[in-house]
């Protein structure tokens, strides 16, 4: 089941400190306008988490991602994902894309802001993404 962690008072918000990619992003930056944190749960146990932000266009850096406060976003950016159970990250991407396409009808693109690692590359390509752009310190993968 997909569950949205809505704010810092949520009982699952403490898990965001375990973010293996962007733990330095404060909780205040993860919640609010155009910001969403989704968790995959199995019998009330979190098995995977993804943080996302609605933006206008595709950010090439974390600075661009955090600075974008568009009133009319057209892109959802998944900027970190991790799992606690094998296969849960893949399941969260698949189910999360379906939900995002239904919930955010103004969104035209579904992309990541991923670290330029082999692990990220294998994960996203194996789950159906293509490389949209290679940036200085990040890679944008796009899901259709």
N, C-alpha and C. Protein backbone atom coordinates (compact mmCIF):
# COMPACT_ATOMS: atom_id res chain seq x y z
N UNK A 1 0.83 -1.17 0.00
CA UNK A 1 0.00 0.00 0.00
C UNK A 1 0.89 1.25 0.00
N UNK A 2 0.49 2.26 -0.76
CA UNK A 2 1.22 3.52 -0.79
C UNK A 2 0.66 4.44 0.30
N UNK A 3 1.56 5.01 1.05
CA UNK A 3 1.20 5.89 2.17
C UNK A 3 1.99 7.20 1.99
N UNK A 4 1.34 8.34 2.16
CA UNK A 4 2.05 9.61 2.07
C UNK A 4 2.44 10.09 3.46
N UNK A 5 3.72 10.32 3.64
CA UNK A 5 4.24 10.93 4.86
C UNK A 5 4.08 12.43 4.65
N UNK A 6 3.18 13.06 5.38
CA UNK A 6 2.76 14.43 5.06
C UNK A 6 3.52 15.54 5.78
N UNK A 7 4.11 15.24 6.93
CA UNK A 7 4.80 16.30 7.66
C UNK A 7 5.75 15.70 8.69
N UNK A 8 6.42 16.59 9.41
CA UNK A 8 7.42 16.17 10.39
C UNK A 8 6.81 15.44 11.59
N UNK A 9 5.51 15.61 11.82
CA UNK A 9 4.85 14.95 12.94
C UNK A 9 4.35 13.54 12.59
N UNK A 10 4.44 13.17 11.34
CA UNK A 10 4.00 11.86 10.92
C UNK A 10 4.81 10.78 11.66
N UNK A 11 4.16 9.69 12.06
CA UNK A 11 4.89 8.66 12.80
C UNK A 11 6.03 8.00 12.03
N UNK A 12 6.05 8.13 10.70
CA UNK A 12 7.12 7.55 9.90
C UNK A 12 8.19 8.57 9.49
N UNK A 13 8.03 9.84 9.84
CA UNK A 13 8.97 10.87 9.38
C UNK A 13 10.39 10.64 9.88
N UNK A 14 10.56 9.98 10.99
CA UNK A 14 11.91 9.73 11.52
C UNK A 14 12.75 8.90 10.54
N UNK A 15 12.09 8.13 9.68
CA UNK A 15 12.82 7.30 8.71
C UNK A 15 13.57 8.12 7.67
N UNK A 16 13.18 9.38 7.48
CA UNK A 16 13.84 10.21 6.48
C UNK A 16 15.30 10.49 6.85
N UNK A 17 15.65 10.37 8.11
CA UNK A 17 17.04 10.53 8.52
C UNK A 17 17.91 9.38 8.00
N UNK A 18 17.29 8.30 7.54
CA UNK A 18 18.01 7.14 7.03
C UNK A 18 18.24 7.22 5.51
N UNK A 19 17.84 8.32 4.89
CA UNK A 19 18.02 8.53 3.45
C UNK A 19 19.49 8.31 3.10
N UNK A 20 19.80 7.31 2.27
CA UNK A 20 21.21 7.03 1.95
C UNK A 20 21.83 7.97 0.91
N UNK A 21 21.00 8.75 0.23
CA UNK A 21 21.50 9.62 -0.84
C UNK A 21 21.51 11.09 -0.41
N UNK A 22 20.43 11.55 0.17
CA UNK A 22 20.31 12.98 0.49
C UNK A 22 19.82 13.20 1.93
N UNK A 23 20.47 12.56 2.87
CA UNK A 23 20.10 12.72 4.28
C UNK A 23 20.29 14.16 4.75
N UNK A 24 21.13 14.91 4.06
CA UNK A 24 21.42 16.30 4.45
C UNK A 24 20.26 17.26 4.14
N UNK A 25 19.30 16.84 3.33
CA UNK A 25 18.15 17.71 3.06
C UNK A 25 17.26 17.71 4.29
N UNK A 26 17.04 18.88 4.89
CA UNK A 26 16.24 18.94 6.11
C UNK A 26 14.78 18.55 5.87
N UNK A 27 14.13 18.10 6.93
CA UNK A 27 12.72 17.72 6.82
C UNK A 27 11.87 18.86 6.29
N UNK A 28 12.17 20.08 6.69
CA UNK A 28 11.38 21.24 6.24
C UNK A 28 11.39 21.37 4.72
N UNK A 29 12.44 20.91 4.07
CA UNK A 29 12.53 20.98 2.60
C UNK A 29 11.80 19.82 1.92
N UNK A 30 11.44 18.81 2.68
CA UNK A 30 10.81 17.63 2.10
C UNK A 30 9.28 17.72 2.11
N UNK A 31 8.75 18.63 2.90
CA UNK A 31 7.30 18.77 3.02
C UNK A 31 6.88 20.18 2.63
N UNK A 32 5.65 20.32 2.19
CA UNK A 32 5.12 21.64 1.84
C UNK A 32 4.66 21.68 0.40
N UNK A 33 4.55 22.90 -0.11
CA UNK A 33 4.05 23.11 -1.47
C UNK A 33 4.87 22.31 -2.48
N UNK A 34 4.18 21.52 -3.25
CA UNK A 34 4.77 20.73 -4.34
C UNK A 34 5.77 19.68 -3.88
N UNK A 35 5.75 19.32 -2.61
CA UNK A 35 6.69 18.32 -2.08
C UNK A 35 5.91 17.14 -1.52
N UNK A 36 6.37 15.94 -1.86
CA UNK A 36 5.66 14.74 -1.43
C UNK A 36 6.66 13.64 -1.08
N UNK A 37 6.37 12.95 0.01
CA UNK A 37 7.15 11.79 0.43
C UNK A 37 6.18 10.61 0.49
N UNK A 38 6.50 9.57 -0.27
CA UNK A 38 5.64 8.39 -0.32
C UNK A 38 6.39 7.19 0.23
N UNK A 39 5.66 6.35 0.95
CA UNK A 39 6.23 5.12 1.49
C UNK A 39 5.39 3.94 1.02
N UNK A 40 6.06 2.86 0.76
CA UNK A 40 5.39 1.60 0.49
C UNK A 40 5.33 0.87 1.83
N UNK A 41 4.13 0.44 2.21
CA UNK A 41 3.99 -0.26 3.48
C UNK A 41 3.43 -1.66 3.26
N UNK A 42 3.80 -2.52 4.16
CA UNK A 42 3.29 -3.89 4.17
C UNK A 42 2.91 -4.19 5.61
N UNK A 43 1.61 -4.26 5.88
CA UNK A 43 1.11 -4.48 7.23
C UNK A 43 1.68 -3.45 8.22
N UNK A 44 1.61 -2.18 7.83
CA UNK A 44 2.06 -1.04 8.63
C UNK A 44 3.57 -1.00 8.87
N UNK A 45 4.32 -1.72 8.07
CA UNK A 45 5.78 -1.66 8.13
C UNK A 45 6.26 -1.03 6.83
N UNK A 46 7.06 0.03 6.93
CA UNK A 46 7.58 0.70 5.75
C UNK A 46 8.65 -0.17 5.10
N UNK A 47 8.48 -0.43 3.81
CA UNK A 47 9.45 -1.26 3.08
C UNK A 47 10.26 -0.45 2.07
N UNK A 48 9.79 0.76 1.70
CA UNK A 48 10.54 1.63 0.78
C UNK A 48 10.00 3.05 0.89
N UNK A 49 10.85 4.03 0.59
CA UNK A 49 10.47 5.44 0.65
C UNK A 49 11.02 6.15 -0.59
N UNK A 50 10.23 7.09 -1.13
CA UNK A 50 10.69 7.96 -2.21
C UNK A 50 10.28 9.39 -1.88
N UNK A 51 11.20 10.32 -2.08
CA UNK A 51 10.92 11.75 -1.91
C UNK A 51 10.83 12.37 -3.29
N UNK A 52 9.86 13.27 -3.46
CA UNK A 52 9.64 13.87 -4.77
C UNK A 52 9.26 15.34 -4.64
N UNK A 53 9.42 16.04 -5.75
CA UNK A 53 9.03 17.44 -5.79
C UNK A 53 8.48 17.74 -7.18
N UNK A 54 7.42 18.52 -7.19
CA UNK A 54 6.85 19.00 -8.46
C UNK A 54 7.60 20.26 -8.86
N UNK A 55 8.09 20.29 -10.08
CA UNK A 55 8.90 21.41 -10.58
C UNK A 55 8.41 21.84 -11.96
N UNK A 56 8.92 22.96 -12.40
CA UNK A 56 8.70 23.37 -13.78
C UNK A 56 9.99 23.07 -14.54
N UNK A 57 9.94 22.06 -15.38
CA UNK A 57 11.14 21.62 -16.07
C UNK A 57 11.90 20.59 -15.26
N UNK A 58 13.06 20.21 -15.78
CA UNK A 58 13.88 19.15 -15.19
C UNK A 58 15.12 19.77 -14.56
N UNK A 59 15.23 19.74 -13.24
CA UNK A 59 16.41 20.31 -12.60
C UNK A 59 17.65 19.46 -12.85
N UNK A 60 18.78 20.12 -13.01
CA UNK A 60 20.04 19.43 -13.26
C UNK A 60 20.87 19.26 -11.99
N UNK A 61 20.46 19.95 -10.92
CA UNK A 61 21.22 19.88 -9.68
C UNK A 61 20.27 19.93 -8.49
N UNK A 62 20.80 19.56 -7.35
CA UNK A 62 20.01 19.64 -6.13
C UNK A 62 19.63 21.08 -5.82
N UNK A 63 20.51 22.02 -6.10
CA UNK A 63 20.21 23.43 -5.87
C UNK A 63 19.02 23.87 -6.71
N UNK A 64 18.99 23.49 -7.98
CA UNK A 64 17.86 23.83 -8.84
C UNK A 64 16.57 23.17 -8.33
N UNK A 65 16.66 21.94 -7.89
CA UNK A 65 15.51 21.23 -7.36
C UNK A 65 14.91 21.98 -6.17
N UNK A 66 15.75 22.32 -5.21
CA UNK A 66 15.26 22.95 -3.99
C UNK A 66 14.80 24.38 -4.22
N UNK A 67 15.35 25.06 -5.22
CA UNK A 67 14.97 26.45 -5.49
C UNK A 67 13.67 26.56 -6.28
N UNK A 68 13.29 25.51 -6.99
CA UNK A 68 12.10 25.57 -7.86
C UNK A 68 10.83 25.60 -7.01
N UNK A 69 10.09 26.69 -7.10
CA UNK A 69 8.81 26.82 -6.41
C UNK A 69 7.72 27.23 -7.39
N UNK A 70 7.66 26.52 -8.50
CA UNK A 70 6.74 26.85 -9.59
C UNK A 70 5.29 26.78 -9.15
N UNK A 71 4.50 27.73 -9.63
CA UNK A 71 3.06 27.69 -9.40
C UNK A 71 2.37 26.74 -10.36
N UNK A 72 2.99 26.50 -11.51
CA UNK A 72 2.42 25.61 -12.51
C UNK A 72 3.44 24.53 -12.88
N UNK A 73 3.71 23.62 -11.96
CA UNK A 73 4.71 22.59 -12.26
C UNK A 73 4.23 21.63 -13.34
N UNK A 74 5.19 21.12 -14.12
CA UNK A 74 4.85 20.17 -15.17
C UNK A 74 5.70 18.90 -15.10
N UNK A 75 6.51 18.79 -14.06
CA UNK A 75 7.43 17.66 -13.91
C UNK A 75 7.43 17.20 -12.46
N UNK A 76 7.39 15.90 -12.26
CA UNK A 76 7.62 15.38 -10.91
C UNK A 76 9.01 14.77 -10.89
N UNK A 77 9.78 15.18 -9.89
CA UNK A 77 11.17 14.75 -9.76
C UNK A 77 11.29 13.86 -8.53
N UNK A 78 11.67 12.61 -8.75
CA UNK A 78 11.95 11.70 -7.66
C UNK A 78 13.44 11.86 -7.36
N UNK A 79 13.76 12.42 -6.19
CA UNK A 79 15.16 12.75 -5.95
C UNK A 79 15.87 11.83 -4.97
N UNK A 80 15.18 10.94 -4.35
CA UNK A 80 15.83 9.90 -3.55
C UNK A 80 14.86 8.77 -3.31
N UNK A 81 15.36 7.56 -3.33
CA UNK A 81 14.55 6.38 -3.05
C UNK A 81 15.44 5.37 -2.35
N UNK A 82 14.86 4.70 -1.37
CA UNK A 82 15.58 3.62 -0.72
C UNK A 82 14.57 2.59 -0.21
N UNK A 83 15.08 1.38 0.03
CA UNK A 83 14.18 0.32 0.48
C UNK A 83 14.79 -0.43 1.65
N UNK A 84 13.89 -1.07 2.37
CA UNK A 84 14.26 -1.89 3.51
C UNK A 84 14.04 -3.37 3.22
N UNK A 85 13.46 -3.66 2.07
CA UNK A 85 13.13 -5.03 1.70
C UNK A 85 13.39 -5.20 0.21
N UNK A 86 14.03 -6.26 -0.16
CA UNK A 86 14.36 -6.52 -1.57
C UNK A 86 13.10 -6.45 -2.44
N UNK A 87 13.20 -5.72 -3.54
CA UNK A 87 12.09 -5.59 -4.48
C UNK A 87 11.12 -4.47 -4.16
N UNK A 88 11.21 -3.90 -2.96
CA UNK A 88 10.26 -2.86 -2.57
C UNK A 88 10.49 -1.54 -3.31
N UNK A 89 11.73 -1.21 -3.61
CA UNK A 89 12.01 0.01 -4.37
C UNK A 89 11.38 -0.07 -5.76
N UNK A 90 11.53 -1.21 -6.39
CA UNK A 90 10.94 -1.43 -7.71
C UNK A 90 9.42 -1.34 -7.63
N UNK A 91 8.83 -1.95 -6.61
CA UNK A 91 7.39 -1.90 -6.44
C UNK A 91 6.90 -0.48 -6.17
N UNK A 92 7.65 0.27 -5.36
CA UNK A 92 7.26 1.66 -5.07
C UNK A 92 7.31 2.52 -6.32
N UNK A 93 8.32 2.34 -7.15
CA UNK A 93 8.39 3.10 -8.41
C UNK A 93 7.19 2.77 -9.29
N UNK A 94 6.91 1.50 -9.46
CA UNK A 94 5.79 1.09 -10.33
C UNK A 94 4.45 1.62 -9.82
N UNK A 95 4.17 1.40 -8.55
CA UNK A 95 2.89 1.85 -8.00
C UNK A 95 2.85 3.36 -7.87
N UNK A 96 3.98 3.96 -7.51
CA UNK A 96 4.04 5.41 -7.36
C UNK A 96 3.81 6.13 -8.67
N UNK A 97 4.33 5.59 -9.76
CA UNK A 97 4.10 6.21 -11.08
C UNK A 97 2.62 6.19 -11.44
N UNK A 98 1.96 5.08 -11.17
CA UNK A 98 0.52 4.99 -11.46
C UNK A 98 -0.25 6.03 -10.67
N UNK A 99 0.04 6.13 -9.40
CA UNK A 99 -0.65 7.10 -8.53
C UNK A 99 -0.33 8.53 -8.96
N UNK A 100 0.93 8.81 -9.25
CA UNK A 100 1.33 10.16 -9.65
C UNK A 100 0.65 10.59 -10.95
N UNK A 101 0.52 9.67 -11.89
CA UNK A 101 -0.13 10.00 -13.16
C UNK A 101 -1.60 10.33 -12.97
N UNK A 102 -2.24 9.68 -12.01
CA UNK A 102 -3.65 9.97 -11.72
C UNK A 102 -3.81 11.24 -10.88
N UNK A 103 -2.94 11.43 -9.92
CA UNK A 103 -3.08 12.55 -8.97
C UNK A 103 -2.59 13.88 -9.53
N UNK A 104 -1.56 13.85 -10.35
CA UNK A 104 -0.95 15.08 -10.86
C UNK A 104 -1.17 15.15 -12.37
N UNK A 105 -2.39 15.50 -12.76
CA UNK A 105 -2.75 15.48 -14.17
C UNK A 105 -2.03 16.54 -15.00
N UNK A 106 -1.47 17.55 -14.35
CA UNK A 106 -0.74 18.59 -15.07
C UNK A 106 0.71 18.19 -15.34
N UNK A 107 1.14 17.08 -14.79
CA UNK A 107 2.53 16.64 -14.94
C UNK A 107 2.72 15.96 -16.29
N UNK A 108 3.74 16.40 -17.00
CA UNK A 108 4.06 15.86 -18.32
C UNK A 108 5.26 14.91 -18.27
N UNK A 109 6.13 15.09 -17.26
CA UNK A 109 7.36 14.30 -17.18
C UNK A 109 7.51 13.71 -15.79
N UNK A 110 8.08 12.52 -15.76
CA UNK A 110 8.38 11.81 -14.53
C UNK A 110 9.86 11.48 -14.57
N UNK A 111 10.66 12.20 -13.80
CA UNK A 111 12.11 12.07 -13.89
C UNK A 111 12.72 11.88 -12.50
N UNK A 112 13.99 11.54 -12.50
CA UNK A 112 14.74 11.45 -11.25
C UNK A 112 15.83 12.51 -11.25
N UNK A 113 16.35 12.75 -10.07
CA UNK A 113 17.59 13.52 -9.91
C UNK A 113 18.48 12.57 -9.11
N UNK A 114 19.20 11.74 -9.83
CA UNK A 114 19.92 10.63 -9.23
C UNK A 114 21.42 10.90 -9.15
N UNK A 115 22.08 10.23 -8.21
CA UNK A 115 23.53 10.32 -8.16
C UNK A 115 24.10 9.59 -9.38
N UNK A 116 25.28 9.99 -9.84
CA UNK A 116 25.87 9.34 -11.03
C UNK A 116 26.59 8.05 -10.65
N UNK A 117 25.85 7.11 -10.08
CA UNK A 117 26.45 5.84 -9.66
C UNK A 117 25.95 4.69 -10.52
N UNK A 118 26.71 3.64 -10.53
CA UNK A 118 26.31 2.44 -11.27
C UNK A 118 25.06 1.81 -10.65
N UNK A 119 24.96 1.85 -9.34
CA UNK A 119 23.79 1.31 -8.66
C UNK A 119 22.51 2.02 -9.10
N UNK A 120 22.54 3.36 -9.12
CA UNK A 120 21.37 4.13 -9.56
C UNK A 120 21.06 3.84 -11.03
N UNK A 121 22.09 3.78 -11.85
CA UNK A 121 21.89 3.51 -13.28
C UNK A 121 21.21 2.16 -13.49
N UNK A 122 21.74 1.13 -12.87
CA UNK A 122 21.15 -0.21 -13.01
C UNK A 122 19.71 -0.23 -12.51
N UNK A 123 19.45 0.38 -11.36
CA UNK A 123 18.11 0.38 -10.78
C UNK A 123 17.11 1.02 -11.74
N UNK A 124 17.41 2.22 -12.20
CA UNK A 124 16.43 2.94 -13.03
C UNK A 124 16.27 2.32 -14.41
N UNK A 125 17.35 1.91 -15.03
CA UNK A 125 17.23 1.28 -16.36
C UNK A 125 16.48 -0.05 -16.26
N UNK A 126 16.74 -0.81 -15.22
CA UNK A 126 16.06 -2.10 -15.02
C UNK A 126 14.55 -1.90 -14.78
N UNK A 127 14.19 -0.74 -14.25
CA UNK A 127 12.79 -0.46 -13.94
C UNK A 127 12.08 0.34 -15.03
N UNK A 128 12.69 0.43 -16.21
CA UNK A 128 12.01 1.00 -17.35
C UNK A 128 12.31 2.45 -17.69
N UNK A 129 13.23 3.06 -16.96
CA UNK A 129 13.59 4.45 -17.26
C UNK A 129 14.62 4.50 -18.37
N UNK A 130 14.75 5.68 -18.96
CA UNK A 130 15.82 5.95 -19.93
C UNK A 130 16.61 7.14 -19.42
N UNK A 131 17.83 7.27 -19.89
CA UNK A 131 18.65 8.41 -19.50
C UNK A 131 18.12 9.64 -20.24
N UNK A 132 17.69 10.64 -19.51
CA UNK A 132 17.23 11.88 -20.10
C UNK A 132 18.41 12.84 -20.28
N UNK A 133 19.22 12.98 -19.22
CA UNK A 133 20.34 13.92 -19.28
C UNK A 133 21.37 13.55 -18.22
N UNK A 134 22.66 13.65 -18.60
CA UNK A 134 23.76 13.49 -17.65
C UNK A 134 24.26 14.89 -17.32
N UNK A 135 24.23 15.23 -16.04
CA UNK A 135 24.63 16.55 -15.56
C UNK A 135 26.00 16.46 -14.89
N UNK A 136 26.48 17.56 -14.39
CA UNK A 136 27.79 17.58 -13.74
C UNK A 136 27.87 16.62 -12.56
N UNK A 137 26.88 16.66 -11.65
CA UNK A 137 26.91 15.84 -10.44
C UNK A 137 25.71 14.91 -10.30
N UNK A 138 24.82 14.89 -11.28
CA UNK A 138 23.61 14.09 -11.20
C UNK A 138 23.28 13.51 -12.57
N UNK A 139 22.30 12.60 -12.57
CA UNK A 139 21.76 12.06 -13.82
C UNK A 139 20.24 12.12 -13.70
N UNK A 140 19.60 12.57 -14.76
CA UNK A 140 18.14 12.55 -14.82
C UNK A 140 17.73 11.33 -15.64
N UNK A 141 16.98 10.42 -15.01
CA UNK A 141 16.36 9.30 -15.70
C UNK A 141 14.89 9.66 -15.88
N UNK A 142 14.33 9.23 -17.00
CA UNK A 142 12.92 9.55 -17.25
C UNK A 142 12.10 8.29 -17.36
N UNK A 143 10.97 8.31 -16.69
CA UNK A 143 9.98 7.22 -16.75
C UNK A 143 8.81 7.70 -17.60
N UNK A 144 8.27 6.83 -18.41
CA UNK A 144 7.12 7.16 -19.26
C UNK A 144 5.83 6.71 -18.64
